[in-house]
Amino acid sequence: MMANIFIVEDDISLRVLYEKALNMKGYQVIASAKNGKEAIEMFKKFHQKPDVIIMDHRMPLKNGLQVTKEMLEIDKSLKIIFISADQTIREEALSMGVINFTDKPCSVQKLYRNIEDALRVPKIY
C-alpha cells in the first residue's frame, strides 16, 4: 500500500534520512516541516491528509505535543507516530491518541514497523 507520510522534525539530517528510507520502501513523503509552527501551517493546507505523521517533540516555535493537540482537534482520525528522545512525554503523547512512541535514535526497520503498525490501526471518525 502506498501511504502518504508527513514528517515533522527539526533535525535536517534526520528529515533527509527519513525521506530517503521511506521513499526506498515505496512510501510517499508528501511534505516535511522543520518546526511545529510550520507543521500546523502546512497541515492546514493539505488537500489530502497524510496517512501517517512522524512527529518529533523538541522543536522550535511549537513542540510535538502542542502540534499533535492542534492537529487532532482538526482531525481525530490522524495516525501520529512520535519519535523522540524525550521519554518524559511518552504517557501524555499516548494518552492524546498518538499511535506509537519510539525512542530516538530509531532504526530504519523500527520506523518501517511503526508505520506498518499505524496503517493497520482502523481510522476513528
C-alpha atoms as a PDB file:
ATOM      1  CA  MET A   1       0.000   0.000   0.000  1.00  0.00           C
ATOM      2  CA  MET A   2       1.327   3.410  -0.973  1.00  0.00           C
ATOM      3  CA  ALA A   3       0.945   5.536   2.142  1.00  0.00           C
ATOM      4  CA  ASN A   4       1.374   9.298   2.299  1.00  0.00           C
ATOM      5  CA  ILE A   5       3.663  10.438   5.091  1.00  0.00           C
ATOM      6  CA  PHE A   6       4.188  13.867   6.653  1.00  0.00           C
ATOM      7  CA  ILE A   7       7.461  14.345   8.554  1.00  0.00           C
ATOM      8  CA  VAL A   8       7.696  16.875  11.397  1.00  0.00           C
ATOM      9  CA  GLU A   9      11.327  17.022  12.541  1.00  0.00           C
ATOM     10  CA  ASP A  10      13.670  19.957  13.175  1.00  0.00           C
ATOM     11  CA  ASP A  11      16.895  17.994  12.583  1.00  0.00           C
ATOM     12  CA  ILE A  12      17.679  18.279   8.857  1.00  0.00           C
ATOM     13  CA  SER A  13      19.849  15.149   8.745  1.00  0.00           C
ATOM     14  CA  LEU A  14      17.031  13.080  10.262  1.00  0.00           C
ATOM     15  CA  ARG A  15      14.467  14.603   7.881  1.00  0.00           C
ATOM     16  CA  VAL A  16      16.652  13.612   4.924  1.00  0.00           C
ATOM     17  CA  LEU A  17      17.273  10.138   6.358  1.00  0.00           C
ATOM     18  CA  TYR A  18      13.544   9.531   6.962  1.00  0.00           C
ATOM     19  CA  GLU A  19      12.649  10.754   3.468  1.00  0.00           C
ATOM     20  CA  LYS A  20      15.228   8.523   1.771  1.00  0.00           C
ATOM     21  CA  ALA A  21      14.307   5.479   3.852  1.00  0.00           C
ATOM     22  CA  LEU A  22      10.573   5.966   3.291  1.00  0.00           C
ATOM     23  CA  ASN A  23      10.942   6.547  -0.451  1.00  0.00           C
ATOM     24  CA  MET A  24      13.048   3.368  -0.733  1.00  0.00           C
ATOM     25  CA  LYS A  25      10.241   1.428   0.927  1.00  0.00           C
ATOM     26  CA  GLY A  26       7.674   2.850  -1.516  1.00  0.00           C
ATOM     27  CA  TYR A  27       6.061   5.376   0.815  1.00  0.00           C
ATOM     28  CA  GLN A  28       5.395   8.866  -0.438  1.00  0.00           C
ATOM     29  CA  VAL A  29       6.626  11.736   1.695  1.00  0.00           C
ATOM     30  CA  ILE A  30       4.101  14.480   0.905  1.00  0.00           C
ATOM     31  CA  ALA A  31       5.860  17.132   2.987  1.00  0.00           C
ATOM     32  CA  SER A  32       8.261  17.745   5.838  1.00  0.00           C
ATOM     33  CA  ALA A  33       8.223  20.556   8.368  1.00  0.00           C
ATOM     34  CA  LYS A  34      11.237  21.863  10.284  1.00  0.00           C
ATOM     35  CA  ASN A  35       9.312  23.228  13.282  1.00  0.00           C
ATOM     36  CA  GLY A  36       5.942  22.982  14.974  1.00  0.00           C
ATOM     37  CA  LYS A  37       4.534  26.235  13.625  1.00  0.00           C
ATOM     38  CA  GLU A  38       5.406  25.306  10.035  1.00  0.00           C
ATOM     39  CA  ALA A  39       3.879  21.842  10.594  1.00  0.00           C
ATOM     40  CA  ILE A  40       0.487  23.321  11.544  1.00  0.00           C
ATOM     41  CA  GLU A  41       0.535  25.795   8.634  1.00  0.00           C
ATOM     42  CA  MET A  42       1.385  23.036   6.125  1.00  0.00           C
ATOM     43  CA  PHE A  43      -1.138  20.624   7.643  1.00  0.00           C
ATOM     44  CA  LYS A  44      -3.998  23.107   7.268  1.00  0.00           C
ATOM     45  CA  LYS A  45      -3.202  23.496   3.549  1.00  0.00           C
ATOM     46  CA  PHE A  46      -3.164  19.781   2.685  1.00  0.00           C
ATOM     47  CA  HIS A  47      -5.935  18.798   0.244  1.00  0.00           C
ATOM     48  CA  GLN A  48      -5.453  15.180   1.224  1.00  0.00           C
ATOM     49  CA  LYS A  49      -4.494  14.479   4.828  1.00  0.00           C
ATOM     50  CA  PRO A  50      -1.433  12.252   5.331  1.00  0.00           C
ATOM     51  CA  ASP A  51      -1.936   8.574   6.191  1.00  0.00           C
ATOM     52  CA  VAL A  52       0.791   8.797   8.850  1.00  0.00           C
ATOM     53  CA  ILE A  53       2.563  11.702  10.558  1.00  0.00           C
ATOM     54  CA  ILE A  54       6.035  11.240  12.030  1.00  0.00           C
ATOM     55  CA  MET A  55       6.393  13.696  14.903  1.00  0.00           C
ATOM     56  CA  ASP A  56       9.393  14.928  16.872  1.00  0.00           C
ATOM     57  CA  HIS A  57       8.837  16.566  20.253  1.00  0.00           C
ATOM     58  CA  ARG A  58      11.621  19.072  20.922  1.00  0.00           C
ATOM     59  CA  MET A  59      11.294  21.629  18.127  1.00  0.00           C
ATOM     60  CA  PRO A  60      11.405  25.414  17.784  1.00  0.00           C
ATOM     61  CA  LEU A  61       8.205  27.519  17.979  1.00  0.00           C
ATOM     62  CA  LYS A  62       5.871  24.661  18.978  1.00  0.00           C
ATOM     63  CA  ASN A  63       6.725  21.285  20.421  1.00  0.00           C
ATOM     64  CA  GLY A  64       5.377  17.942  19.251  1.00  0.00           C
ATOM     65  CA  LEU A  65       2.679  17.718  21.918  1.00  0.00           C
ATOM     66  CA  GLN A  66       1.311  21.176  21.029  1.00  0.00           C
ATOM     67  CA  VAL A  67       1.321  20.308  17.318  1.00  0.00           C
ATOM     68  CA  THR A  68      -0.336  16.928  17.943  1.00  0.00           C
ATOM     69  CA  LYS A  69      -3.075  18.540  20.041  1.00  0.00           C
ATOM     70  CA  GLU A  70      -3.828  21.134  17.332  1.00  0.00           C
ATOM     71  CA  MET A  71      -3.823  18.552  14.543  1.00  0.00           C
ATOM     72  CA  LEU A  72      -6.090  16.138  16.412  1.00  0.00           C
ATOM     73  CA  GLU A  73      -8.533  18.993  17.084  1.00  0.00           C
ATOM     74  CA  ILE A  74      -8.789  19.397  13.303  1.00  0.00           C
ATOM     75  CA  ASP A  75      -8.911  15.669  12.501  1.00  0.00           C
ATOM     76  CA  LYS A  76      -9.357  12.981  15.182  1.00  0.00           C
ATOM     77  CA  SER A  77      -8.600  10.177  12.724  1.00  0.00           C
ATOM     78  CA  LEU A  78      -4.921  11.118  12.266  1.00  0.00           C
ATOM     79  CA  LYS A  79      -2.273   8.462  12.791  1.00  0.00           C
ATOM     80  CA  ILE A  80       0.663  10.098  14.536  1.00  0.00           C
ATOM     81  CA  ILE A  81       3.921   8.338  15.424  1.00  0.00           C
ATOM     82  CA  PHE A  82       6.227  10.074  17.887  1.00  0.00           C
ATOM     83  CA  ILE A  83       9.971   9.578  17.511  1.00  0.00           C
ATOM     84  CA  SER A  84      11.566  11.474  20.370  1.00  0.00           C
ATOM     85  CA  ALA A  85      14.444  11.307  22.817  1.00  0.00           C
ATOM     86  CA  ASP A  86      12.197  12.853  25.452  1.00  0.00           C
ATOM     87  CA  GLN A  87      10.801   9.943  27.484  1.00  0.00           C
ATOM     88  CA  THR A  88       9.060  12.283  29.945  1.00  0.00           C
ATOM     89  CA  ILE A  89       6.243  12.992  27.493  1.00  0.00           C
ATOM     90  CA  ARG A  90       5.598   9.359  26.412  1.00  0.00           C
ATOM     91  CA  GLU A  91       2.471   8.840  28.565  1.00  0.00           C
ATOM     92  CA  GLU A  92       0.988  12.222  27.681  1.00  0.00           C
ATOM     93  CA  ALA A  93       1.540  11.644  23.953  1.00  0.00           C
ATOM     94  CA  LEU A  94      -0.042   8.176  24.056  1.00  0.00           C
ATOM     95  CA  SER A  95      -2.998   9.408  26.115  1.00  0.00           C
ATOM     96  CA  MET A  96      -3.656  12.078  23.462  1.00  0.00           C
ATOM     97  CA  GLY A  97      -4.124   9.373  20.850  1.00  0.00           C
ATOM     98  CA  VAL A  98      -0.639   9.009  19.404  1.00  0.00           C
ATOM     99  CA  ILE A  99      -0.380   5.535  17.813  1.00  0.00           C
ATOM    100  CA  ASN A 100       3.215   4.830  18.756  1.00  0.00           C
ATOM    101  CA  PHE A 101       6.057   6.361  20.754  1.00  0.00           C
ATOM    102  CA  THR A 102       9.579   5.368  19.772  1.00  0.00           C
ATOM    103  CA  ASP A 103      12.890   6.375  21.288  1.00  0.00           C
ATOM    104  CA  LYS A 104      15.312   8.406  19.265  1.00  0.00           C
ATOM    105  CA  PRO A 105      17.558   7.369  17.627  1.00  0.00           C
ATOM    106  CA  CYS A 106      15.435   4.726  15.935  1.00  0.00           C
ATOM    107  CA  SER A 107      16.466   2.215  13.281  1.00  0.00           C
ATOM    108  CA  VAL A 108      15.028   2.324   9.775  1.00  0.00           C
ATOM    109  CA  GLN A 109      13.491  -1.123  10.414  1.00  0.00           C
ATOM    110  CA  LYS A 110      11.743   0.224  13.526  1.00  0.00           C
ATOM    111  CA  LEU A 111      10.494   3.206  11.506  1.00  0.00           C
ATOM    112  CA  TYR A 112       9.004   0.850   8.870  1.00  0.00           C
ATOM    113  CA  ARG A 113       7.414  -1.338  11.564  1.00  0.00           C
ATOM    114  CA  ASN A 114       5.842   1.669  13.274  1.00  0.00           C
ATOM    115  CA  ILE A 115       4.341   2.881  10.001  1.00  0.00           C
ATOM    116  CA  GLU A 116       3.040  -0.577   9.097  1.00  0.00           C
ATOM    117  CA  ASP A 117       1.501  -0.898  12.592  1.00  0.00           C
ATOM    118  CA  ALA A 118      -0.088   2.557  12.306  1.00  0.00           C
ATOM    119  CA  LEU A 119      -1.570   1.744   8.892  1.00  0.00           C
ATOM    120  CA  ARG A 120      -3.230  -1.374  10.373  1.00  0.00           C
ATOM    121  CA  VAL A 121      -4.997   0.635  13.087  1.00  0.00           C
ATOM    122  CA  PRO A 122      -8.588   1.349  11.989  1.00  0.00           C
ATOM    123  CA  LYS A 123      -9.397   5.020  11.471  1.00  0.00           C
ATOM    124  CA  ILE A 124     -11.650   6.631  14.064  1.00  0.00           C
ATOM    125  CA  TYR A 125     -14.156   9.216  12.871  1.00  0.00           C
END
